[in-house]
Structure formats: structure tokens, C-alpha cells
Amino acid sequence: MKTAHAVPASAVSRNALVLLAAVAAGAALYWLRDILTPLALAIFLMIMIDGVKRAIEERTPLDTRWAGVAALIVVILGFFASIAIIVNGAASFFTDATGVSSGIGPRLDQILADVSHLFGVSTAPTAHDLIAGFDIGPYLTRLALQVQGAASGAFFVLVYLGFLLASQAGFRTKLVTMFPGREARSEAVAVFQRVRSGVEGYLWVQTVTGVMICAVAWLLMRVVGLDNAEFWTFVIFIVGFIPVLGGAIAGLAPPIFALVQFPTYWPALILLVGLQMILFVVGNMIQPRMQGDNQNIDPVVVLLSLALWGQLWGVVGMFLSTPLAVMAMAVLAEFKGSRWMAILLSGDGEPYVDKPGTAQARSTRVKTPRPPTAEPD
């Protein structure tokens, strides 16, 4: 009979403290979500501004200062344009839906009858029978509150963004004070660069592939004559940043509304087949080639991160779930005690965004420029 090995008390205490710390951190993230979600979006926008600024510097004769101003204007205008498109598009959509509401009931009854006959059911239920006991009032109230919260949250996002941009001036001085040693400071800068590289790579891939999907989707919706094609195109682009759920919404929402709008099933079938084809091609052939090492996250981790952050922060958490997972992997990989967690989060067991041995990794680790305000060691 084998003798059970005793677990050291220090290991048990350490694991218990880690578990309690994780639970406490999760509770704090949930309770402070109204404060932290605008801050997280502001940090997300700041990373976008930094990436756009460097792109402008590389492709235009503008210096760093004016490139930063141009990047700030571009991102802020894009932010406000997104809000305007969502608000105006949603208003137009609900107005059109109200105008054709008299024809929705008979069309739904026809769809239910056809589906029932397809499965051999002689007496088909009506739309009135299905929604008779369904109280839609609380859902509309919740939707209105979410829209109101999004409008107020956008204001706080801009406030946080302004303070974050103002605090950038003293970042290098703080970095030197926190890490007096040159080697430690270089490692800290390397972590930041890996986090930035992962988030920017994710944004770039999702934006380019989203534009591809939206171009085909808009063309298909225009061909079949679906109402509010531009609104649905923008919705498809936005939900593309939500892993897993975004593809399902993009591929199913327009065909479902086409079922109600048109008297035949052909427009909905064309949209369903066309959208599923472009989503399959982009998701399985184009996107993996573009991602490379920028999104070296295990698919199970992506799904769990989506569920976790969606539960903690709602829709905002769903949008930020993958970038937050990339950030967590990059930070955890820097500490010996937490590196095993970064390995589990990674897709191939190598948690670094830039793999060791590559030219980019060597430049990140060895040739990191010293901050100009650094004092001699």
C-alpha cells in the first residue's frame, strides 16, 4: 500500500492565499465595473492612438508631436462616428420595423406553418400563441438603460483618455524611478512593448478581416434588397471584435430579418449561405495567416475569457476579453512563479508575443532604447 505524500504547509498556505486573492480581485472588478470599464476602454483607445501615431510617422513627413495630434483626431472622430452610426442606425431600424409591424405577424405565422408542415405537424402555432405569455416590457426597459449607460460611459471614456494622455509626459520619469537598474528597466519596457504589440496586432487583424467580411456582406444585402444594409454592415464590423459570439451574430442576424422582410425564403437563404461562406474563408484561411504570433492564445482560453469578462463587465468585457487575455499572458510570463499560467494561456506553449530567437524578439529584449531621462547607473 502506497504512502500518501504530505503537502508542505507553506505550499498549502500559498495556494490558499492565491485563491483568496483571485476571488477578491474578481469581486473588486465586478463591484467597480462602472469605474473600471470606462478606464479600460480609455486605455484601449490610448493604445490605438499610439499605433496610429507611429503609422503616421512612418508614412508621412510629420514629426512626433503633429503625428500624435493627427492620431488623436482620427481616433476621437472614429469613436464619435461609431456612436453616431449606432444611434442613428438603431433609430432608423426601429422606425422601419414599426412601419412594417402590421405585416410581421402574418409573415411569422406563415413561417411557423411552413416549418410545422416540414416536420409533419398538422396544426401550427401562431405568433400570437408563442408570445402571448411573454412580457417584453422588462427587456425594453433594460435595453433603454443600457443605451443610456453607453451614452454616459462614452463621456467618462473621453475624460479618462484626456487624463491618461496628460500623464504620458511623466511616464518615463516614473519608469526610471521605479526601475533604477538599467536591466530591470529594459525588462519593464520589453513587457510593455509585448503587451502593446499583442493588442495592436489583434486590432489590426480584426479590423482588416472585418472590412473584408463587411464588404461582402454589404454587397449581398444590397443585392437582395435588405433594409438598413449600412446599419447591419456596421453591426457586423463591431461584433467582429467579440470572439465566438460575433461570428454567430454576423452570420445569422441579417438572414433572420430577411425572413421577416421578404415574402419568400430565397433572400434569407442567399444571405445565410453567402455570409457563412465568407466567415468560413476569413476565419479559417485568412485570419490564422494574419494572426501569426500576435494572438498566441489558446482557443479554450478565448472562450473562457469571453465568459469571464462578459460576466464581470457585460458587453464591454466581451469586446476587451481577448486583449485582456493577451495582456495577462505577457505579464504573467515575466515572473517565475506565474510563468506556468502564461504557458497554459498560450496556444503553443510559448507565451511571448515575439518568440525567442527571432530578430524582433532580440531587438525587444536587447536593443530596447534607454529612456532619455534616465540617470547614469
Protein backbone atom coordinates (compact mmCIF):
# COMPACT_ATOMS: atom_id res chain seq x y z
CA MET A 1 0.00 0.00 0.00
CA LYS A 2 1.43 3.34 -1.08
CA THR A 3 2.04 6.03 1.49
CA ALA A 4 0.46 9.42 0.75
CA HIS A 5 2.93 12.25 0.49
CA ALA A 6 2.29 15.19 2.79
CA VAL A 7 1.92 18.58 1.13
CA PRO A 8 4.11 21.24 2.79
CA ALA A 9 2.13 23.68 4.87
CA SER A 10 3.84 26.61 3.13
CA ALA A 11 2.57 25.42 -0.28
CA VAL A 12 -0.97 24.98 1.05
CA SER A 13 -0.92 28.46 2.58
CA ARG A 14 0.47 30.00 -0.60
CA ASN A 15 -2.14 28.34 -2.80
CA ALA A 16 -4.92 29.36 -0.42
CA LEU A 17 -3.72 32.96 -0.47
CA VAL A 18 -3.57 32.94 -4.28
CA LEU A 19 -7.13 31.58 -4.46
CA LEU A 20 -8.42 34.17 -1.99
CA ALA A 21 -6.62 36.94 -3.86
CA ALA A 22 -8.17 35.81 -7.16
CA VAL A 23 -11.66 35.76 -5.64
CA ALA A 24 -11.15 39.18 -4.07
CA ALA A 25 -9.83 40.60 -7.34
CA GLY A 26 -12.83 39.23 -9.24
CA ALA A 27 -15.23 40.72 -6.71
CA ALA A 28 -13.47 44.09 -6.91
CA LEU A 29 -13.60 44.06 -10.72
CA TYR A 30 -17.33 43.37 -10.57
CA TRP A 31 -18.20 45.93 -7.89
CA LEU A 32 -16.09 48.64 -9.53
CA ARG A 33 -17.18 47.87 -13.10
CA ASP A 34 -18.85 51.27 -13.57
CA ILE A 35 -15.49 52.92 -12.86
CA LEU A 36 -13.15 50.39 -14.45
CA THR A 37 -14.91 49.79 -17.78
CA PRO A 38 -14.51 53.41 -18.99
CA LEU A 39 -10.89 53.32 -17.82
CA ALA A 40 -10.25 50.06 -19.71
CA LEU A 41 -11.79 51.50 -22.88
CA ALA A 42 -9.70 54.66 -22.47
CA ILE A 43 -6.51 52.58 -22.19
CA PHE A 44 -7.64 50.65 -25.25
CA LEU A 45 -8.13 53.91 -27.19
CA MET A 46 -4.74 55.21 -25.99
CA ILE A 47 -3.03 52.12 -27.39
CA MET A 48 -4.90 52.69 -30.67
CA ILE A 49 -3.77 56.33 -30.75
CA ASP A 50 -0.16 55.28 -30.17
CA GLY A 51 -0.33 52.75 -33.01
CA VAL A 52 -1.93 55.24 -35.41
CA LYS A 53 0.67 57.85 -34.43
CA ARG A 54 3.57 55.56 -35.27
CA ALA A 55 1.91 54.60 -38.56
CA ILE A 56 1.55 58.29 -39.47
CA GLU A 57 5.19 58.92 -38.54
CA GLU A 58 6.35 56.11 -40.82
CA ARG A 59 4.24 57.16 -43.82
CA THR A 60 4.20 60.96 -43.60
CA PRO A 61 6.78 63.73 -43.03
CA LEU A 62 5.05 64.79 -39.79
CA ASP A 63 7.14 64.84 -36.63
CA THR A 64 6.18 63.04 -33.42
CA ARG A 65 4.14 65.90 -31.99
CA TRP A 66 1.97 66.54 -35.01
CA ALA A 67 1.64 62.83 -35.72
CA GLY A 68 0.26 62.42 -32.20
CA VAL A 69 -2.23 65.24 -32.75
CA ALA A 70 -3.37 63.73 -36.05
CA ALA A 71 -3.72 60.27 -34.49
CA LEU A 72 -5.75 61.70 -31.61
CA ILE A 73 -8.11 63.46 -34.01
CA VAL A 74 -8.54 60.34 -36.15
CA VAL A 75 -9.33 58.04 -33.21
CA ILE A 76 -11.67 60.52 -31.48
CA LEU A 77 -13.57 61.20 -34.70
CA GLY A 78 -13.84 57.46 -35.30
CA PHE A 79 -15.12 56.98 -31.75
CA PHE A 80 -17.83 59.63 -32.14
CA ALA A 81 -18.69 58.41 -35.65
CA SER A 82 -19.23 54.89 -34.30
CA ILE A 83 -21.61 56.17 -31.62
CA ALA A 84 -23.49 58.31 -34.17
CA ILE A 85 -23.86 55.40 -36.60
CA ILE A 86 -25.14 53.10 -33.88
CA VAL A 87 -27.65 55.65 -32.53
CA ASN A 88 -28.92 56.85 -35.91
CA GLY A 89 -28.89 53.39 -37.43
CA ALA A 90 -30.78 51.90 -34.50
CA ALA A 91 -33.35 54.71 -34.63
CA SER A 92 -33.87 54.18 -38.37
CA PHE A 93 -34.07 50.43 -37.88
CA PHE A 94 -36.76 50.63 -35.19
CA THR A 95 -38.67 53.24 -37.20
CA ASP A 96 -38.74 50.98 -40.24
CA ALA A 97 -39.65 47.99 -38.10
CA THR A 98 -42.56 49.92 -36.60
CA GLY A 99 -43.74 50.92 -40.05
CA VAL A 100 -43.88 47.34 -41.28
CA SER A 101 -45.03 45.81 -37.98
CA SER A 102 -48.50 45.20 -39.39
CA GLY A 103 -47.06 42.67 -41.82
CA ILE A 104 -44.74 40.90 -39.39
CA GLY A 105 -47.47 38.88 -37.66
CA PRO A 106 -48.87 37.21 -40.82
CA ARG A 107 -45.33 36.57 -42.10
CA LEU A 108 -44.33 34.89 -38.84
CA ASP A 109 -47.50 32.80 -38.95
CA GLN A 110 -46.58 31.69 -42.48
CA ILE A 111 -43.04 30.76 -41.41
CA LEU A 112 -44.35 28.77 -38.44
CA ALA A 113 -46.85 26.98 -40.67
CA ASP A 114 -44.17 26.04 -43.22
CA VAL A 115 -41.80 24.77 -40.51
CA SER A 116 -44.60 22.77 -38.87
CA HIS A 117 -45.56 21.14 -42.17
CA LEU A 118 -41.91 20.35 -42.81
CA PHE A 119 -41.82 18.30 -39.58
CA GLY A 120 -45.25 16.75 -40.14
CA VAL A 121 -47.18 18.84 -37.60
CA SER A 122 -50.73 19.34 -38.82
CA THR A 123 -51.72 22.27 -36.58
CA ALA A 124 -49.12 25.02 -36.49
CA PRO A 125 -48.95 27.52 -33.59
CA THR A 126 -49.34 31.20 -34.37
CA ALA A 127 -47.02 34.02 -33.44
CA HIS A 128 -49.67 35.33 -31.06
CA ASP A 129 -49.75 31.98 -29.26
CA LEU A 130 -45.98 31.97 -28.82
CA ILE A 131 -45.64 35.49 -27.47
CA ALA A 132 -48.91 35.67 -25.50
CA GLY A 133 -47.22 34.87 -22.20
CA PHE A 134 -44.02 36.74 -22.99
CA ASP A 135 -43.64 40.09 -21.22
CA ILE A 136 -41.34 42.23 -23.34
CA GLY A 137 -41.57 45.30 -21.09
CA PRO A 138 -38.66 44.46 -18.74
CA TYR A 139 -36.40 43.69 -21.69
CA LEU A 140 -37.17 47.03 -23.35
CA THR A 141 -36.53 48.80 -20.06
CA ARG A 142 -33.20 47.02 -19.67
CA LEU A 143 -32.26 47.91 -23.25
CA ALA A 144 -33.09 51.58 -22.66
CA LEU A 145 -30.95 51.60 -19.51
CA GLN A 146 -28.05 50.02 -21.38
CA VAL A 147 -28.29 52.64 -24.14
CA GLN A 148 -28.35 55.40 -21.53
CA GLY A 149 -25.37 53.84 -19.76
CA ALA A 150 -23.45 53.62 -23.03
CA ALA A 151 -24.04 57.32 -23.72
CA SER A 152 -22.86 58.37 -20.26
CA GLY A 153 -20.00 55.88 -20.38
CA ALA A 154 -18.71 57.42 -23.62
CA PHE A 155 -18.29 60.76 -21.80
CA PHE A 156 -16.28 59.17 -18.98
CA VAL A 157 -14.15 57.28 -21.51
CA LEU A 158 -13.10 60.60 -23.06
CA VAL A 159 -12.43 62.10 -19.62
CA TYR A 160 -10.19 59.16 -18.67
CA LEU A 161 -8.49 59.33 -22.07
CA GLY A 162 -7.66 63.01 -21.59
CA PHE A 163 -6.06 62.37 -18.19
CA LEU A 164 -4.15 59.35 -19.49
CA LEU A 165 -2.73 61.36 -22.38
CA ALA A 166 -1.78 64.16 -20.00
CA SER A 167 0.01 61.72 -17.70
CA GLN A 168 2.16 60.32 -20.52
CA ALA A 169 4.64 63.16 -20.13
CA GLY A 170 5.84 61.86 -16.78
CA PHE A 171 5.76 58.17 -17.66
CA ARG A 172 9.45 57.86 -18.48
CA THR A 173 10.48 59.65 -15.29
CA LYS A 174 8.29 57.31 -13.26
CA LEU A 175 9.77 54.34 -15.09
CA VAL A 176 13.32 55.39 -14.20
CA THR A 177 12.35 55.95 -10.56
CA MET A 178 10.59 52.58 -10.28
CA PHE A 179 13.41 50.66 -12.02
CA PRO A 180 16.75 52.36 -11.28
CA GLY A 181 18.73 49.49 -12.74
CA ARG A 182 19.22 49.51 -16.50
CA GLU A 183 18.50 45.80 -16.90
CA ALA A 184 15.31 45.86 -14.84
CA ARG A 185 14.14 48.96 -16.68
CA SER A 186 14.79 47.33 -20.05
CA GLU A 187 12.78 44.29 -18.99
CA ALA A 188 9.86 46.51 -17.90
CA VAL A 189 9.90 48.33 -21.23
CA ALA A 190 10.05 44.96 -23.01
CA VAL A 191 6.91 43.78 -21.17
CA PHE A 192 5.09 46.95 -22.16
CA GLN A 193 6.17 46.56 -25.77
CA ARG A 194 5.00 42.95 -25.87
CA VAL A 195 1.61 43.95 -24.45
CA ARG A 196 1.33 46.77 -26.97
CA SER A 197 2.41 44.54 -29.84
CA GLY A 198 -0.18 41.90 -28.92
CA VAL A 199 -3.06 44.38 -28.60
CA GLU A 200 -2.12 46.26 -31.77
CA GLY A 201 -1.75 43.01 -33.69
CA TYR A 202 -5.19 41.90 -32.51
CA LEU A 203 -6.73 45.23 -33.53
CA TRP A 204 -5.06 45.16 -36.93
CA VAL A 205 -6.16 41.60 -37.73
CA GLN A 206 -9.74 42.14 -36.56
CA THR A 207 -10.03 45.43 -38.45
CA VAL A 208 -8.71 44.12 -41.77
CA THR A 209 -10.71 40.89 -41.67
CA GLY A 210 -13.78 42.82 -40.50
CA VAL A 211 -13.54 45.11 -43.52
CA MET A 212 -13.31 42.05 -45.81
CA ILE A 213 -16.40 40.47 -44.26
CA CYS A 214 -18.34 43.75 -44.28
CA ALA A 215 -17.59 44.40 -47.96
CA VAL A 216 -19.06 41.05 -48.98
CA ALA A 217 -21.94 41.34 -46.51
CA TRP A 218 -22.90 44.83 -47.74
CA LEU A 219 -22.84 43.63 -51.36
CA LEU A 220 -25.06 40.63 -50.55
CA MET A 221 -27.54 42.74 -48.58
CA ARG A 222 -27.71 45.28 -51.38
CA VAL A 223 -28.28 42.56 -53.97
CA VAL A 224 -31.21 41.03 -52.08
CA GLY A 225 -32.57 44.45 -51.06
CA LEU A 226 -32.40 44.10 -47.27
CA ASP A 227 -33.48 47.26 -45.43
CA ASN A 228 -30.86 49.20 -43.43
CA ALA A 229 -27.96 47.43 -45.14
CA GLU A 230 -25.46 50.05 -43.94
CA PHE A 231 -26.59 49.66 -40.33
CA TRP A 232 -26.27 45.89 -40.49
CA THR A 233 -22.83 46.23 -42.12
CA PHE A 234 -21.60 48.36 -39.23
CA VAL A 235 -23.11 45.95 -36.71
CA ILE A 236 -21.24 43.07 -38.38
CA PHE A 237 -17.99 45.04 -38.18
CA ILE A 238 -18.43 45.90 -34.49
CA VAL A 239 -19.47 42.43 -33.33
CA GLY A 240 -16.46 41.02 -35.17
CA PHE A 241 -14.37 42.14 -32.19
CA ILE A 242 -16.33 39.79 -29.93
CA PRO A 243 -14.83 36.29 -30.26
CA VAL A 244 -17.15 33.35 -30.94
CA LEU A 245 -20.40 35.27 -30.48
CA GLY A 246 -19.50 37.92 -33.05
CA GLY A 247 -19.37 35.43 -35.92
CA ALA A 248 -22.70 33.88 -34.91
CA ILE A 249 -24.42 37.28 -34.79
CA ALA A 250 -22.88 38.40 -38.09
CA GLY A 251 -23.89 35.21 -39.89
CA LEU A 252 -27.43 34.82 -38.53
CA ALA A 253 -28.92 38.24 -37.75
CA PRO A 254 -29.32 39.58 -41.34
CA PRO A 255 -30.84 36.31 -42.67
CA ILE A 256 -33.32 36.22 -39.77
CA PHE A 257 -34.53 39.74 -40.52
CA ALA A 258 -34.64 38.89 -44.22
CA LEU A 259 -37.09 36.09 -43.36
CA VAL A 260 -39.47 38.67 -41.92
CA GLN A 261 -38.98 41.33 -44.58
CA PHE A 262 -39.39 39.27 -47.75
CA PRO A 263 -42.36 37.05 -48.73
CA THR A 264 -40.04 34.27 -49.95
CA TYR A 265 -37.16 32.39 -48.38
CA TRP A 266 -34.63 32.96 -51.17
CA PRO A 267 -33.19 36.30 -49.94
CA ALA A 268 -32.63 34.86 -46.46
CA LEU A 269 -31.05 31.73 -47.94
CA ILE A 270 -28.71 33.79 -50.14
CA LEU A 271 -27.63 35.87 -47.16
CA LEU A 272 -27.18 32.82 -44.94
CA VAL A 273 -25.06 30.88 -47.44
CA GLY A 274 -23.05 33.92 -48.54
CA LEU A 275 -22.28 35.13 -45.02
CA GLN A 276 -21.37 31.67 -43.78
CA MET A 277 -19.02 31.18 -46.72
CA ILE A 278 -17.16 34.47 -46.19
CA LEU A 279 -16.99 33.88 -42.43
CA PHE A 280 -15.58 30.38 -43.03
CA VAL A 281 -12.98 31.57 -45.53
CA VAL A 282 -11.85 34.52 -43.43
CA GLY A 283 -11.95 32.66 -40.10
CA ASN A 284 -10.15 29.52 -41.27
CA MET A 285 -7.84 30.68 -44.07
CA ILE A 286 -7.12 34.41 -43.94
CA GLN A 287 -7.28 35.25 -40.25
CA PRO A 288 -4.91 32.49 -38.99
CA ARG A 289 -2.26 33.58 -41.51
CA MET A 290 -2.53 37.20 -40.42
CA GLN A 291 -2.52 36.48 -36.71
CA GLY A 292 0.85 34.74 -36.62
CA ASP A 293 2.26 35.12 -33.13
CA ASN A 294 0.31 38.29 -32.27
CA GLN A 295 -2.61 36.33 -30.86
CA ASN A 296 -0.95 33.23 -29.48
CA ILE A 297 -3.91 32.44 -27.22
CA ASP A 298 -5.41 29.01 -26.68
CA PRO A 299 -8.97 28.81 -28.14
CA VAL A 300 -10.31 27.47 -24.84
CA VAL A 301 -8.79 30.48 -23.07
CA VAL A 302 -10.51 32.80 -25.57
CA LEU A 303 -13.86 31.19 -24.77
CA LEU A 304 -13.29 31.27 -21.00
CA SER A 305 -12.06 34.87 -21.16
CA LEU A 306 -15.18 35.84 -23.10
CA ALA A 307 -17.41 34.22 -20.48
CA LEU A 308 -15.48 35.66 -17.53
CA TRP A 309 -15.20 39.26 -18.71
CA GLY A 310 -18.71 39.18 -20.14
CA GLN A 311 -19.99 38.20 -16.71
CA LEU A 312 -17.89 40.85 -14.95
CA TRP A 313 -18.20 43.81 -17.33
CA GLY A 314 -21.02 42.92 -19.73
CA VAL A 315 -20.72 43.86 -23.41
CA VAL A 316 -17.61 45.97 -22.79
CA GLY A 317 -15.94 42.97 -21.20
CA MET A 318 -16.79 40.85 -24.25
CA PHE A 319 -15.09 43.37 -26.54
CA LEU A 320 -12.00 43.56 -24.35
CA SER A 321 -11.79 39.86 -23.41
CA THR A 322 -9.12 38.87 -25.94
CA PRO A 323 -6.88 41.95 -25.49
CA LEU A 324 -7.07 41.46 -21.73
CA ALA A 325 -6.05 37.83 -22.15
CA VAL A 326 -3.09 38.92 -24.29
CA MET A 327 -2.05 41.43 -21.63
CA ALA A 328 -2.36 38.85 -18.86
CA MET A 329 -0.25 36.34 -20.75
CA ALA A 330 2.51 38.87 -21.43
CA VAL A 331 2.67 39.99 -17.79
CA LEU A 332 2.44 36.51 -16.25
CA ALA A 333 5.25 35.28 -18.50
CA GLU A 334 7.71 37.70 -16.85
CA PHE A 335 7.57 36.16 -13.37
CA LYS A 336 8.98 32.76 -12.49
CA GLY A 337 6.13 31.90 -10.15
CA SER A 338 3.40 32.72 -12.69
CA ARG A 339 5.07 31.66 -15.92
CA TRP A 340 3.25 28.31 -15.81
CA MET A 341 -0.06 30.20 -16.06
CA ALA A 342 1.19 32.12 -19.11
CA ILE A 343 2.18 28.82 -20.72
CA LEU A 344 -1.35 27.48 -20.16
CA LEU A 345 -2.84 30.64 -21.66
CA SER A 346 -0.66 30.44 -24.79
CA GLY A 347 -1.62 28.49 -27.86
CA ASP A 348 1.71 26.70 -28.46
CA GLY A 349 3.34 26.75 -25.03
CA GLU A 350 5.45 29.83 -25.77
CA PRO A 351 3.76 32.78 -24.07
CA TYR A 352 5.92 35.52 -25.54
CA VAL A 353 4.29 37.50 -28.33
CA ASP A 354 7.66 37.65 -30.07
CA LYS A 355 9.28 34.24 -29.85
CA PRO A 356 12.86 33.99 -28.60
CA GLY A 357 15.39 33.73 -31.37
CA THR A 358 13.60 35.98 -33.84
CA ALA A 359 15.08 39.29 -34.86
CA GLN A 360 12.11 41.15 -33.41
CA ALA A 361 12.44 39.39 -30.07
CA ARG A 362 16.15 40.15 -29.89
CA SER A 363 15.53 43.81 -30.66
CA THR A 364 12.85 43.90 -27.97
CA ARG A 365 14.99 42.25 -25.30
CA VAL A 366 18.47 43.55 -26.04
CA LYS A 367 18.20 46.74 -28.04
CA THR A 368 15.48 48.42 -26.03
CA PRO A 369 16.26 52.14 -26.15
CA ARG A 370 17.08 53.68 -22.84
CA PRO A 371 14.61 56.38 -21.76
CA PRO A 372 16.11 59.84 -22.43
CA THR A 373 15.53 60.94 -18.84
CA ALA A 374 17.47 58.04 -17.34
CA GLU A 375 20.27 58.86 -14.98
CA PRO A 376 23.59 57.03 -15.15
CA ASP A 377 23.60 53.85 -13.07
